[in-house]
Amino acid sequence: MAVDRNHDSETCKRVDDGITRVFQLLGKRWSGPIVAVLVAQPAHFADLRRAVPGISERMLSDRLAELGAAGLVVREVDEGPPLRVSYRLTEAGAALEPALRELAEWAKVHLPDAPECPGAERERAVGTSA
């Protein structure tokens, strides 16, 4: 089959396929924050749940499975007792760190201030009352 070289300029302006695939995976709610937590260090399921406020166990499990299927996260069973499951980034997942760091810096400069994490306010109140 011959490649159509006579297409219009609008066809050339389509979004890059790589960008489309990245955002189909990391653009899903919760996926980016999960990867960002795991960039720092491997984490157990419960630690991930605490680190990503508002995520349900079911959603965390689903997103971890998707990230695993994409080759970004590895699930490891820590022999017990107690039996615990931890997650870490693969080499491909860890390679996202520079891009995530750049996105975080971009957000600090270009996005309006986000409301403070509710937990931070409570921690400050507890720290000052002691």
C-alpha atoms as a PDB file:
ATOM      1  CA  MET A   1       0.000   0.000   0.000  1.00  0.00           C
ATOM      2  CA  ALA A   2       1.411   3.391  -0.983  1.00  0.00           C
ATOM      3  CA  VAL A   3       1.721   6.194   1.526  1.00  0.00           C
ATOM      4  CA  ASP A   4      -0.594   9.091   0.765  1.00  0.00           C
ATOM      5  CA  ARG A   5       1.729  12.041   0.212  1.00  0.00           C
ATOM      6  CA  ASN A   6      -1.064  14.269  -1.020  1.00  0.00           C
ATOM      7  CA  HIS A   7      -2.796  14.991   2.255  1.00  0.00           C
ATOM      8  CA  ASP A   8      -3.767  18.422   3.452  1.00  0.00           C
ATOM      9  CA  SER A   9      -1.915  20.519   6.028  1.00  0.00           C
ATOM     10  CA  GLU A  10      -4.515  19.733   8.727  1.00  0.00           C
ATOM     11  CA  THR A  11      -3.475  16.086   8.654  1.00  0.00           C
ATOM     12  CA  CYS A  12       0.140  17.112   9.353  1.00  0.00           C
ATOM     13  CA  LYS A  13      -0.941  19.054  12.445  1.00  0.00           C
ATOM     14  CA  ARG A  14      -2.196  15.970  14.277  1.00  0.00           C
ATOM     15  CA  VAL A  15      -0.890  15.351  17.754  1.00  0.00           C
ATOM     16  CA  ASP A  16       2.294  13.331  18.005  1.00  0.00           C
ATOM     17  CA  ASP A  17       1.537   9.646  18.546  1.00  0.00           C
ATOM     18  CA  GLY A  18       3.969   9.417  21.481  1.00  0.00           C
ATOM     19  CA  ILE A  19       2.283  12.305  23.298  1.00  0.00           C
ATOM     20  CA  THR A  20      -1.102  10.713  22.703  1.00  0.00           C
ATOM     21  CA  ARG A  21       0.046   7.393  24.181  1.00  0.00           C
ATOM     22  CA  VAL A  22       1.712   9.053  27.205  1.00  0.00           C
ATOM     23  CA  PHE A  23      -1.404  10.991  28.116  1.00  0.00           C
ATOM     24  CA  GLN A  24      -3.694   8.018  27.521  1.00  0.00           C
ATOM     25  CA  LEU A  25      -1.757   6.290  30.311  1.00  0.00           C
ATOM     26  CA  LEU A  26      -0.482   9.034  32.618  1.00  0.00           C
ATOM     27  CA  GLY A  27      -3.370  11.384  31.922  1.00  0.00           C
ATOM     28  CA  LYS A  28      -5.793   9.095  33.694  1.00  0.00           C
ATOM     29  CA  ARG A  29      -6.778  10.378  37.088  1.00  0.00           C
ATOM     30  CA  TRP A  30      -4.370   9.168  39.799  1.00  0.00           C
ATOM     31  CA  SER A  31      -1.756   7.605  37.491  1.00  0.00           C
ATOM     32  CA  GLY A  32       0.651  10.553  37.565  1.00  0.00           C
ATOM     33  CA  PRO A  33       0.546  10.973  41.349  1.00  0.00           C
ATOM     34  CA  ILE A  34       1.100   7.225  41.854  1.00  0.00           C
ATOM     35  CA  VAL A  35       4.186   7.283  39.636  1.00  0.00           C
ATOM     36  CA  ALA A  36       5.401  10.458  41.366  1.00  0.00           C
ATOM     37  CA  VAL A  37       5.193   8.755  44.774  1.00  0.00           C
ATOM     38  CA  LEU A  38       7.059   5.715  43.490  1.00  0.00           C
ATOM     39  CA  VAL A  39       9.831   7.868  41.972  1.00  0.00           C
ATOM     40  CA  ALA A  40      11.031   8.589  45.499  1.00  0.00           C
ATOM     41  CA  GLN A  41      11.050   4.958  46.635  1.00  0.00           C
ATOM     42  CA  PRO A  42       9.122   1.682  46.471  1.00  0.00           C
ATOM     43  CA  ALA A  43       5.968   1.678  48.571  1.00  0.00           C
ATOM     44  CA  HIS A  44       3.503  -0.752  50.084  1.00  0.00           C
ATOM     45  CA  PHE A  45      -0.114  -0.584  48.956  1.00  0.00           C
ATOM     46  CA  ALA A  46      -1.314   1.075  52.186  1.00  0.00           C
ATOM     47  CA  ASP A  47       1.480   3.659  52.002  1.00  0.00           C
ATOM     48  CA  LEU A  48       0.501   4.507  48.428  1.00  0.00           C
ATOM     49  CA  ARG A  49      -3.124   4.890  49.476  1.00  0.00           C
ATOM     50  CA  ARG A  50      -2.128   7.342  52.216  1.00  0.00           C
ATOM     51  CA  ALA A  51       0.225   9.226  49.885  1.00  0.00           C
ATOM     52  CA  VAL A  52      -2.478   9.833  47.253  1.00  0.00           C
ATOM     53  CA  PRO A  53      -5.356  11.502  49.127  1.00  0.00           C
ATOM     54  CA  GLY A  54      -8.834  10.685  47.867  1.00  0.00           C
ATOM     55  CA  ILE A  55      -7.994   7.517  45.940  1.00  0.00           C
ATOM     56  CA  SER A  56     -10.037   4.419  46.742  1.00  0.00           C
ATOM     57  CA  GLU A  57      -8.477   0.990  47.203  1.00  0.00           C
ATOM     58  CA  ARG A  58     -10.220  -0.231  44.062  1.00  0.00           C
ATOM     59  CA  MET A  59      -8.978   2.674  41.952  1.00  0.00           C
ATOM     60  CA  LEU A  60      -5.439   2.333  43.311  1.00  0.00           C
ATOM     61  CA  SER A  61      -5.480  -1.361  42.510  1.00  0.00           C
ATOM     62  CA  ASP A  62      -6.796  -0.689  38.981  1.00  0.00           C
ATOM     63  CA  ARG A  63      -4.228   2.029  38.263  1.00  0.00           C
ATOM     64  CA  LEU A  64      -1.360  -0.090  39.595  1.00  0.00           C
ATOM     65  CA  ALA A  65      -2.480  -2.937  37.329  1.00  0.00           C
ATOM     66  CA  GLU A  66      -2.577  -0.587  34.319  1.00  0.00           C
ATOM     67  CA  LEU A  67       0.844   0.851  35.131  1.00  0.00           C
ATOM     68  CA  GLY A  68       2.151  -2.692  35.559  1.00  0.00           C
ATOM     69  CA  ALA A  69       0.713  -3.784  32.217  1.00  0.00           C
ATOM     70  CA  ALA A  70       2.412  -0.782  30.606  1.00  0.00           C
ATOM     71  CA  GLY A  71       5.745  -1.879  32.057  1.00  0.00           C
ATOM     72  CA  LEU A  72       6.162   1.055  34.451  1.00  0.00           C
ATOM     73  CA  VAL A  73       5.484  -0.615  37.810  1.00  0.00           C
ATOM     74  CA  VAL A  74       6.395  -3.977  39.298  1.00  0.00           C
ATOM     75  CA  ARG A  75       4.367  -5.673  42.031  1.00  0.00           C
ATOM     76  CA  GLU A  76       6.447  -7.599  44.565  1.00  0.00           C
ATOM     77  CA  VAL A  77       5.202  -9.819  47.371  1.00  0.00           C
ATOM     78  CA  ASP A  78       7.179  -9.437  50.595  1.00  0.00           C
ATOM     79  CA  GLU A  79       7.171 -12.790  52.348  1.00  0.00           C
ATOM     80  CA  GLY A  80       5.583 -12.604  55.770  1.00  0.00           C
ATOM     81  CA  PRO A  81       4.294 -12.928  58.175  1.00  0.00           C
ATOM     82  CA  PRO A  82       2.673 -10.589  57.618  1.00  0.00           C
ATOM     83  CA  LEU A  83       2.424 -10.939  53.865  1.00  0.00           C
ATOM     84  CA  ARG A  84       2.768  -7.502  52.261  1.00  0.00           C
ATOM     85  CA  VAL A  85       2.746  -6.276  48.695  1.00  0.00           C
ATOM     86  CA  SER A  86       5.021  -3.491  47.559  1.00  0.00           C
ATOM     87  CA  TYR A  87       5.346  -1.640  44.285  1.00  0.00           C
ATOM     88  CA  ARG A  88       8.375  -0.124  42.594  1.00  0.00           C
ATOM     89  CA  LEU A  89       9.083   1.528  39.295  1.00  0.00           C
ATOM     90  CA  THR A  90      10.740  -0.398  36.520  1.00  0.00           C
ATOM     91  CA  GLU A  91      13.634   1.166  34.627  1.00  0.00           C
ATOM     92  CA  ALA A  92      11.095   2.597  32.173  1.00  0.00           C
ATOM     93  CA  GLY A  93       9.014   4.030  35.022  1.00  0.00           C
ATOM     94  CA  ALA A  94      12.050   5.529  36.757  1.00  0.00           C
ATOM     95  CA  ALA A  95      13.027   7.183  33.466  1.00  0.00           C
ATOM     96  CA  LEU A  96       9.941   9.413  33.875  1.00  0.00           C
ATOM     97  CA  GLU A  97      11.524  11.256  36.820  1.00  0.00           C
ATOM     98  CA  PRO A  98      13.107  14.117  34.830  1.00  0.00           C
ATOM     99  CA  ALA A  99       9.866  14.736  32.928  1.00  0.00           C
ATOM    100  CA  LEU A 100       7.808  14.681  36.143  1.00  0.00           C
ATOM    101  CA  ARG A 101      10.249  17.055  37.834  1.00  0.00           C
ATOM    102  CA  GLU A 102       9.969  19.450  34.863  1.00  0.00           C
ATOM    103  CA  LEU A 103       6.165  19.246  34.917  1.00  0.00           C
ATOM    104  CA  ALA A 104       6.137  20.007  38.658  1.00  0.00           C
ATOM    105  CA  GLU A 105       8.350  23.059  38.109  1.00  0.00           C
ATOM    106  CA  TRP A 106       6.174  24.189  35.213  1.00  0.00           C
ATOM    107  CA  ALA A 107       3.063  23.875  37.401  1.00  0.00           C
ATOM    108  CA  LYS A 108       4.633  26.007  40.149  1.00  0.00           C
ATOM    109  CA  VAL A 109       5.191  28.804  37.645  1.00  0.00           C
ATOM    110  CA  HIS A 110       2.192  28.551  35.330  1.00  0.00           C
ATOM    111  CA  LEU A 111      -0.756  27.091  37.239  1.00  0.00           C
ATOM    112  CA  PRO A 112      -2.740  28.950  39.854  1.00  0.00           C
ATOM    113  CA  ASP A 113      -2.044  28.016  43.435  1.00  0.00           C
ATOM    114  CA  ALA A 114      -3.787  24.836  44.445  1.00  0.00           C
ATOM    115  CA  PRO A 115      -5.566  24.623  47.784  1.00  0.00           C
ATOM    116  CA  GLU A 116      -3.348  23.276  50.537  1.00  0.00           C
ATOM    117  CA  CYS A 117      -3.602  19.603  51.421  1.00  0.00           C
ATOM    118  CA  PRO A 118      -6.111  19.290  54.315  1.00  0.00           C
ATOM    119  CA  GLY A 119      -3.707  17.012  56.192  1.00  0.00           C
ATOM    120  CA  ALA A 120      -0.980  19.690  56.226  1.00  0.00           C
ATOM    121  CA  GLU A 121      -3.236  22.119  58.090  1.00  0.00           C
ATOM    122  CA  ARG A 122      -4.069  19.486  60.734  1.00  0.00           C
ATOM    123  CA  GLU A 123      -0.391  18.566  61.142  1.00  0.00           C
ATOM    124  CA  ARG A 124       0.525  22.230  61.647  1.00  0.00           C
ATOM    125  CA  ALA A 125      -2.239  22.639  64.248  1.00  0.00           C
ATOM    126  CA  VAL A 126      -1.068  19.551  66.145  1.00  0.00           C
ATOM    127  CA  GLY A 127       2.544  20.704  65.993  1.00  0.00           C
ATOM    128  CA  THR A 128       1.754  24.159  67.409  1.00  0.00           C
ATOM    129  CA  SER A 129      -0.461  22.890  70.216  1.00  0.00           C
ATOM    130  CA  ALA A 130       2.190  20.560  71.637  1.00  0.00           C
END
